[in-house]
PDB file of all heavy atoms in Angstrom:
ATOM      1  N   ASP A   1      45.486 128.542 146.911  1.00  0.00           N
ATOM      2  CA  ASP A   1      46.763 128.819 147.590  1.00  0.00           C
ATOM      3  C   ASP A   1      47.857 129.104 146.579  1.00  0.00           C
ATOM      4  O   ASP A   1      48.628 130.066 146.718  1.00  0.00           O
ATOM      5  CB  ASP A   1      47.166 127.630 148.471  1.00  0.00           C
ATOM      6  CG  ASP A   1      46.309 127.523 149.720  1.00  0.00           C
ATOM      7  OD1 ASP A   1      45.625 128.522 150.048  1.00  0.00           O
ATOM      8  OD2 ASP A   1      46.317 126.456 150.373  1.00  0.00           O
ATOM      9  N   TYR A   2      47.937 128.268 145.535  1.00  0.00           N
ATOM     10  CA  TYR A   2      48.997 128.455 144.542  1.00  0.00           C
ATOM     11  C   TYR A   2      48.746 129.685 143.671  1.00  0.00           C
ATOM     12  O   TYR A   2      49.687 130.294 143.158  1.00  0.00           O
ATOM     13  CB  TYR A   2      49.127 127.199 143.678  1.00  0.00           C
ATOM     14  CG  TYR A   2      49.652 126.002 144.453  1.00  0.00           C
ATOM     15  CD1 TYR A   2      49.138 124.731 144.248  1.00  0.00           C
ATOM     16  CD2 TYR A   2      50.657 126.156 145.409  1.00  0.00           C
ATOM     17  CE1 TYR A   2      49.608 123.635 144.964  1.00  0.00           C
ATOM     18  CE2 TYR A   2      51.141 125.078 146.125  1.00  0.00           C
ATOM     19  CZ  TYR A   2      50.605 123.819 145.913  1.00  0.00           C
ATOM     20  OH  TYR A   2      51.085 122.756 146.625  1.00  0.00           O
ATOM     21  N   LYS A   3      47.466 130.037 143.510  1.00  0.00           N
ATOM     22  CA  LYS A   3      47.157 131.261 142.782  1.00  0.00           C
ATOM     23  C   LYS A   3      47.634 132.476 143.566  1.00  0.00           C
ATOM     24  O   LYS A   3      48.203 133.418 143.004  1.00  0.00           O
ATOM     25  CB  LYS A   3      45.649 131.355 142.526  1.00  0.00           C
ATOM     26  CG  LYS A   3      45.239 132.600 141.752  1.00  0.00           C
ATOM     27  CD  LYS A   3      43.735 132.676 141.580  1.00  0.00           C
ATOM     28  CE  LYS A   3      43.344 133.969 140.856  1.00  0.00           C
ATOM     29  NZ  LYS A   3      41.877 134.095 140.722  1.00  0.00           N
ATOM     30  N   LYS A   4      47.432 132.458 144.897  1.00  0.00           N
ATOM     31  CA  LYS A   4      47.900 133.566 145.742  1.00  0.00           C
ATOM     32  C   LYS A   4      49.420 133.670 145.711  1.00  0.00           C
ATOM     33  O   LYS A   4      49.979 134.763 145.779  1.00  0.00           O
ATOM     34  CB  LYS A   4      47.416 133.365 147.176  1.00  0.00           C
ATOM     35  CG  LYS A   4      45.927 133.601 147.364  1.00  0.00           C
ATOM     36  CD  LYS A   4      45.515 133.367 148.811  1.00  0.00           C
ATOM     37  CE  LYS A   4      44.000 133.575 148.985  1.00  0.00           C
ATOM     38  NZ  LYS A   4      43.565 133.282 150.379  1.00  0.00           N
ATOM     39  N   ARG A   5      50.085 132.515 145.595  1.00  0.00           N
ATOM     40  CA  ARG A   5      51.553 132.519 145.534  1.00  0.00           C
ATOM     41  C   ARG A   5      52.060 132.860 144.134  1.00  0.00           C
ATOM     42  O   ARG A   5      53.260 132.913 143.898  1.00  0.00           O
ATOM     43  CB  ARG A   5      52.090 131.153 145.944  1.00  0.00           C
ATOM     44  CG  ARG A   5      51.953 130.853 147.435  1.00  0.00           C
ATOM     45  CD  ARG A   5      52.575 129.515 147.788  1.00  0.00           C
ATOM     46  NE  ARG A   5      54.014 129.508 147.534  1.00  0.00           N
ATOM     47  CZ  ARG A   5      54.820 128.475 147.811  1.00  0.00           C
ATOM     48  NH1 ARG A   5      54.317 127.376 148.351  1.00  0.00           N
ATOM     49  NH2 ARG A   5      56.113 128.534 147.547  1.00  0.00           N
ATOM     50  N   LYS A   6      51.102 133.073 143.188  1.00  0.00           N
ATOM     51  CA  LYS A   6      51.427 133.433 141.806  1.00  0.00           C
ATOM     52  C   LYS A   6      52.237 132.349 141.104  1.00  0.00           C
ATOM     53  O   LYS A   6      53.121 132.613 140.282  1.00  0.00           O
ATOM     54  CB  LYS A   6      52.171 134.770 141.747  1.00  0.00           C
ATOM     55  CG  LYS A   6      51.345 135.927 142.273  1.00  0.00           C
ATOM     56  CD  LYS A   6      52.071 137.249 142.159  1.00  0.00           C
ATOM     57  CE  LYS A   6      51.192 138.386 142.681  1.00  0.00           C
ATOM     58  NZ  LYS A   6      51.858 139.688 142.610  1.00  0.00           N
ATOM     59  N   LEU A   7      51.928 131.078 141.467  1.00  0.00           N
ATOM     60  CA  LEU A   7      52.559 129.940 140.807  1.00  0.00           C
ATOM     61  C   LEU A   7      51.697 129.425 139.665  1.00  0.00           C
ATOM     62  O   LEU A   7      52.208 128.800 138.731  1.00  0.00           O
ATOM     63  CB  LEU A   7      52.805 128.821 141.826  1.00  0.00           C
ATOM     64  CG  LEU A   7      53.740 129.174 142.990  1.00  0.00           C
ATOM     65  CD1 LEU A   7      53.854 127.999 143.952  1.00  0.00           C
ATOM     66  CD2 LEU A   7      55.117 129.591 142.490  1.00  0.00           C
ATOM     67  N   ILE A   8      50.379 129.651 139.750  1.00  0.00           N
ATOM     68  CA  ILE A   8      49.474 129.267 138.667  1.00  0.00           C
ATOM     69  C   ILE A   8      48.541 130.429 138.366  1.00  0.00           C
ATOM     70  O   ILE A   8      48.378 131.335 139.198  1.00  0.00           O
ATOM     71  CB  ILE A   8      48.654 128.005 139.014  1.00  0.00           C
ATOM     72  CG1 ILE A   8      47.756 128.261 140.228  1.00  0.00           C
ATOM     73  CG2 ILE A   8      49.557 126.810 139.238  1.00  0.00           C
ATOM     74  CD1 ILE A   8      46.810 127.122 140.547  1.00  0.00           C
ATOM     75  N   GLN A   9      47.927 130.398 137.224  1.00  0.00           N
ATOM     76  CA  GLN A   9      46.987 131.437 136.835  1.00  0.00           C
ATOM     77  C   GLN A   9      45.881 130.838 135.970  1.00  0.00           C
ATOM     78  O   GLN A   9      46.103 129.843 135.271  1.00  0.00           O
ATOM     79  CB  GLN A   9      47.691 132.559 136.061  1.00  0.00           C
ATOM     80  CG  GLN A   9      48.349 132.103 134.778  1.00  0.00           C
ATOM     81  CD  GLN A   9      49.188 133.183 134.149  1.00  0.00           C
ATOM     82  OE1 GLN A   9      49.227 134.312 134.611  1.00  0.00           O
ATOM     83  NE2 GLN A   9      49.885 132.838 133.054  1.00  0.00           N
ATOM     84  N   GLU A  10      44.692 131.438 136.088  1.00  0.00           N
ATOM     85  CA  GLU A  10      43.571 130.985 135.286  1.00  0.00           C
ATOM     86  C   GLU A  10      43.593 131.701 133.944  1.00  0.00           C
ATOM     87  O   GLU A  10      43.727 132.923 133.887  1.00  0.00           O
ATOM     88  CB  GLU A  10      42.244 131.248 136.007  1.00  0.00           C
ATOM     89  CG  GLU A  10      41.058 130.620 135.328  1.00  0.00           C
ATOM     90  CD  GLU A  10      39.756 130.835 136.081  1.00  0.00           C
ATOM     91  OE1 GLU A  10      39.688 131.790 136.888  1.00  0.00           O
ATOM     92  OE2 GLU A  10      38.818 130.055 135.870  1.00  0.00           O
ATOM     93  N   VAL A  11      43.469 130.942 132.881  1.00  0.00           N
ATOM     94  CA  VAL A  11      43.526 131.495 131.531  1.00  0.00           C
ATOM     95  C   VAL A  11      42.202 131.213 130.833  1.00  0.00           C
ATOM     96  O   VAL A  11      41.664 130.104 130.923  1.00  0.00           O
ATOM     97  CB  VAL A  11      44.685 130.864 130.727  1.00  0.00           C
ATOM     98  CG1 VAL A  11      44.708 131.405 129.304  1.00  0.00           C
ATOM     99  CG2 VAL A  11      46.008 131.125 131.415  1.00  0.00           C
ATOM    100  N   VAL A  12      41.657 132.229 130.177  1.00  0.00           N
ATOM    101  CA  VAL A  12      40.430 132.081 129.407  1.00  0.00           C
ATOM    102  C   VAL A  12      40.806 131.882 127.940  1.00  0.00           C
ATOM    103  O   VAL A  12      41.503 132.715 127.353  1.00  0.00           O
ATOM    104  CB  VAL A  12      39.525 133.314 129.566  1.00  0.00           C
ATOM    105  CG1 VAL A  12      38.276 133.164 128.705  1.00  0.00           C
ATOM    106  CG2 VAL A  12      39.138 133.516 131.023  1.00  0.00           C
ATOM    107  N   VAL A  13      40.394 130.752 127.391  1.00  0.00           N
ATOM    108  CA  VAL A  13      40.700 130.433 125.994  1.00  0.00           C
ATOM    109  C   VAL A  13      39.406 130.521 125.181  1.00  0.00           C
ATOM    110  O   VAL A  13      38.416 129.862 125.506  1.00  0.00           O
ATOM    111  CB  VAL A  13      41.300 129.018 125.869  1.00  0.00           C
ATOM    112  CG1 VAL A  13      41.611 128.705 124.407  1.00  0.00           C
ATOM    113  CG2 VAL A  13      42.545 128.893 126.729  1.00  0.00           C
ATOM    114  N   LYS A  14      39.418 131.343 124.133  1.00  0.00           N
ATOM    115  CA  LYS A  14      38.269 131.465 123.252  1.00  0.00           C
ATOM    116  C   LYS A  14      38.624 130.885 121.882  1.00  0.00           C
ATOM    117  O   LYS A  14      39.674 131.236 121.326  1.00  0.00           O
ATOM    118  CB  LYS A  14      37.850 132.935 123.114  1.00  0.00           C
ATOM    119  CG  LYS A  14      37.341 133.545 124.412  1.00  0.00           C
ATOM    120  CD  LYS A  14      36.892 134.975 124.205  1.00  0.00           C
ATOM    121  CE  LYS A  14      36.347 135.562 125.495  1.00  0.00           C
ATOM    122  NZ  LYS A  14      35.881 136.952 125.331  1.00  0.00           N
ATOM    123  N   PHE A  15      37.772 130.009 121.371  1.00  0.00           N
ATOM    124  CA  PHE A  15      38.036 129.419 120.063  1.00  0.00           C
ATOM    125  C   PHE A  15      36.713 129.150 119.354  1.00  0.00           C
ATOM    126  O   PHE A  15      35.629 129.347 119.921  1.00  0.00           O
ATOM    127  CB  PHE A  15      38.868 128.137 120.181  1.00  0.00           C
ATOM    128  CG  PHE A  15      38.239 127.068 121.036  1.00  0.00           C
ATOM    129  CD1 PHE A  15      37.375 126.133 120.497  1.00  0.00           C
ATOM    130  CD2 PHE A  15      38.541 126.997 122.391  1.00  0.00           C
ATOM    131  CE1 PHE A  15      36.813 125.147 121.275  1.00  0.00           C
ATOM    132  CE2 PHE A  15      37.989 126.007 123.191  1.00  0.00           C
ATOM    133  CZ  PHE A  15      37.106 125.087 122.630  1.00  0.00           C
ATOM    134  N   VAL A  16      36.826 128.693 118.108  1.00  0.00           N
ATOM    135  CA  VAL A  16      35.651 128.420 117.275  1.00  0.00           C
ATOM    136  C   VAL A  16      35.597 126.927 116.977  1.00  0.00           C
ATOM    137  O   VAL A  16      36.594 126.338 116.538  1.00  0.00           O
ATOM    138  CB  VAL A  16      35.709 129.226 115.963  1.00  0.00           C
ATOM    139  CG1 VAL A  16      34.509 128.886 115.076  1.00  0.00           C
ATOM    140  CG2 VAL A  16      35.752 130.717 116.258  1.00  0.00           C
ATOM    141  N   GLN A  17      34.450 126.330 117.233  1.00  0.00           N
ATOM    142  CA  GLN A  17      34.217 124.924 116.890  1.00  0.00           C
ATOM    143  C   GLN A  17      33.594 124.857 115.491  1.00  0.00           C
ATOM    144  O   GLN A  17      32.589 125.516 115.215  1.00  0.00           O
ATOM    145  CB  GLN A  17      33.290 124.282 117.918  1.00  0.00           C
ATOM    146  CG  GLN A  17      33.085 122.800 117.751  1.00  0.00           C
ATOM    147  CD  GLN A  17      34.315 121.980 118.132  1.00  0.00           C
ATOM    148  OE1 GLN A  17      35.113 122.417 118.953  1.00  0.00           O
ATOM    149  NE2 GLN A  17      34.477 120.818 117.504  1.00  0.00           N
ATOM    150  N   LEU A  18      34.181 124.056 114.579  1.00  0.00           N
ATOM    151  CA  LEU A  18      33.719 123.974 113.200  1.00  0.00           C
ATOM    152  C   LEU A  18      33.123 122.602 112.924  1.00  0.00           C
ATOM    153  O   LEU A  18      33.640 121.578 113.392  1.00  0.00           O
ATOM    154  CB  LEU A  18      34.862 124.196 112.207  1.00  0.00           C
ATOM    155  CG  LEU A  18      35.442 125.595 112.032  1.00  0.00           C
ATOM    156  CD1 LEU A  18      36.439 125.892 113.129  1.00  0.00           C
ATOM    157  CD2 LEU A  18      36.142 125.697 110.682  1.00  0.00           C
ATOM    158  N   GLU A  19      32.072 122.586 112.124  1.00  0.00           N
ATOM    159  CA  GLU A  19      31.491 121.355 111.605  1.00  0.00           C
ATOM    160  C   GLU A  19      31.072 121.590 110.152  1.00  0.00           C
ATOM    161  O   GLU A  19      30.989 122.740 109.702  1.00  0.00           O
ATOM    162  CB  GLU A  19      30.282 120.923 112.445  1.00  0.00           C
ATOM    163  CG  GLU A  19      30.624 120.537 113.862  1.00  0.00           C
ATOM    164  CD  GLU A  19      29.403 120.099 114.656  1.00  0.00           C
ATOM    165  OE1 GLU A  19      28.287 120.069 114.079  1.00  0.00           O
ATOM    166  OE2 GLU A  19      29.554 119.804 115.857  1.00  0.00           O
ATOM    167  N   LYS A  20      30.773 120.496 109.445  1.00  0.00           N
ATOM    168  CA  LYS A  20      30.301 120.617 108.064  1.00  0.00           C
ATOM    169  C   LYS A  20      28.913 121.251 108.046  1.00  0.00           C
ATOM    170  O   LYS A  20      28.068 120.937 108.877  1.00  0.00           O
ATOM    171  CB  LYS A  20      30.228 119.245 107.406  1.00  0.00           C
ATOM    172  CG  LYS A  20      31.573 118.577 107.203  1.00  0.00           C
ATOM    173  CD  LYS A  20      31.376 117.207 106.556  1.00  0.00           C
ATOM    174  CE  LYS A  20      32.709 116.508 106.352  1.00  0.00           C
ATOM    175  NZ  LYS A  20      32.521 115.158 105.743  1.00  0.00           N
ATOM    176  N   GLY A  21      28.707 122.153 107.074  1.00  0.00           N
ATOM    177  CA  GLY A  21      27.401 122.765 106.907  1.00  0.00           C
ATOM    178  C   GLY A  21      26.538 121.999 105.930  1.00  0.00           C
ATOM    179  O   GLY A  21      27.007 121.042 105.278  1.00  0.00           O
ATOM    180  N   PRO A  22      25.258 122.404 105.762  1.00  0.00           N
ATOM    181  CA  PRO A  22      24.346 121.719 104.830  1.00  0.00           C
ATOM    182  C   PRO A  22      24.864 121.692 103.399  1.00  0.00           C
ATOM    183  O   PRO A  22      24.610 120.736 102.665  1.00  0.00           O
ATOM    184  CB  PRO A  22      23.050 122.534 104.931  1.00  0.00           C
ATOM    185  CG  PRO A  22      23.137 123.225 106.264  1.00  0.00           C
ATOM    186  CD  PRO A  22      24.586 123.478 106.495  1.00  0.00           C
ATOM    187  N   ASN A  23      25.574 122.748 102.992  1.00  0.00           N
ATOM    188  CA  ASN A  23      26.076 122.834 101.607  1.00  0.00           C
ATOM    189  C   ASN A  23      27.589 122.626 101.550  1.00  0.00           C
ATOM    190  O   ASN A  23      28.290 123.252 100.765  1.00  0.00           O
ATOM    191  CB  ASN A  23      25.712 124.180 100.989  1.00  0.00           C
ATOM    192  CG  ASN A  23      24.214 124.397 100.934  1.00  0.00           C
ATOM    193  OD1 ASN A  23      23.450 123.440 100.761  1.00  0.00           O
ATOM    194  ND2 ASN A  23      23.792 125.640 101.064  1.00  0.00           N
ATOM    195  N   PHE A  24      28.078 121.741 102.406  1.00  0.00           N
ATOM    196  CA  PHE A  24      29.540 121.556 102.491  1.00  0.00           C
ATOM    197  C   PHE A  24      30.112 121.008 101.193  1.00  0.00           C
ATOM    198  O   PHE A  24      29.536 120.105 100.562  1.00  0.00           O
ATOM    199  CB  PHE A  24      29.883 120.608 103.645  1.00  0.00           C
ATOM    200  CG  PHE A  24      31.355 120.357 103.781  1.00  0.00           C
ATOM    201  CD1 PHE A  24      32.161 121.290 104.420  1.00  0.00           C
ATOM    202  CD2 PHE A  24      31.941 119.219 103.245  1.00  0.00           C
ATOM    203  CE1 PHE A  24      33.530 121.061 104.536  1.00  0.00           C
ATOM    204  CE2 PHE A  24      33.299 119.002 103.356  1.00  0.00           C
ATOM    205  CZ  PHE A  24      34.096 119.924 104.003  1.00  0.00           C
ATOM    206  N   THR A  25      31.233 121.547 100.781  1.00  0.00           N
ATOM    207  CA  THR A  25      32.000 121.060  99.645  1.00  0.00           C
ATOM    208  C   THR A  25      33.442 121.502  99.821  1.00  0.00           C
ATOM    209  O   THR A  25      33.723 122.492 100.513  1.00  0.00           O
ATOM    210  CB  THR A  25      31.457 121.606  98.312  1.00  0.00           C
ATOM    211  OG1 THR A  25      32.293 121.116  97.242  1.00  0.00           O
ATOM    212  CG2 THR A  25      31.439 123.116  98.287  1.00  0.00           C
ATOM    213  N   THR A  26      34.348 120.779  99.253  1.00  0.00           N
ATOM    214  CA  THR A  26      35.764 121.150  99.353  1.00  0.00           C
ATOM    215  C   THR A  26      36.198 122.067  98.222  1.00  0.00           C
ATOM    216  O   THR A  26      37.297 122.601  98.231  1.00  0.00           O
ATOM    217  CB  THR A  26      36.652 119.895  99.348  1.00  0.00           C
ATOM    218  OG1 THR A  26      36.381 119.139  98.168  1.00  0.00           O
ATOM    219  CG2 THR A  26      36.401 119.054 100.585  1.00  0.00           C
ATOM    220  N   LYS A  27      35.327 122.217  97.221  1.00  0.00           N
ATOM    221  CA  LYS A  27      35.640 123.111  96.103  1.00  0.00           C
ATOM    222  C   LYS A  27      34.790 124.366  96.214  1.00  0.00           C
ATOM    223  O   LYS A  27      33.576 124.319  96.056  1.00  0.00           O
ATOM    224  CB  LYS A  27      35.393 122.415  94.768  1.00  0.00           C
ATOM    225  CG  LYS A  27      36.313 121.225  94.534  1.00  0.00           C
ATOM    226  CD  LYS A  27      36.066 120.603  93.173  1.00  0.00           C
ATOM    227  CE  LYS A  27      37.030 119.436  92.941  1.00  0.00           C
ATOM    228  NZ  LYS A  27      36.815 118.799  91.615  1.00  0.00           N
TER     229      LYS A  27
END
């Protein structure tokens, strides 16, 4: 109902999830 009234909208968010790799180092 609120979408039809243009009070809310669906937003698609794309992002990248990061983790440490096998050869992780800070240098």
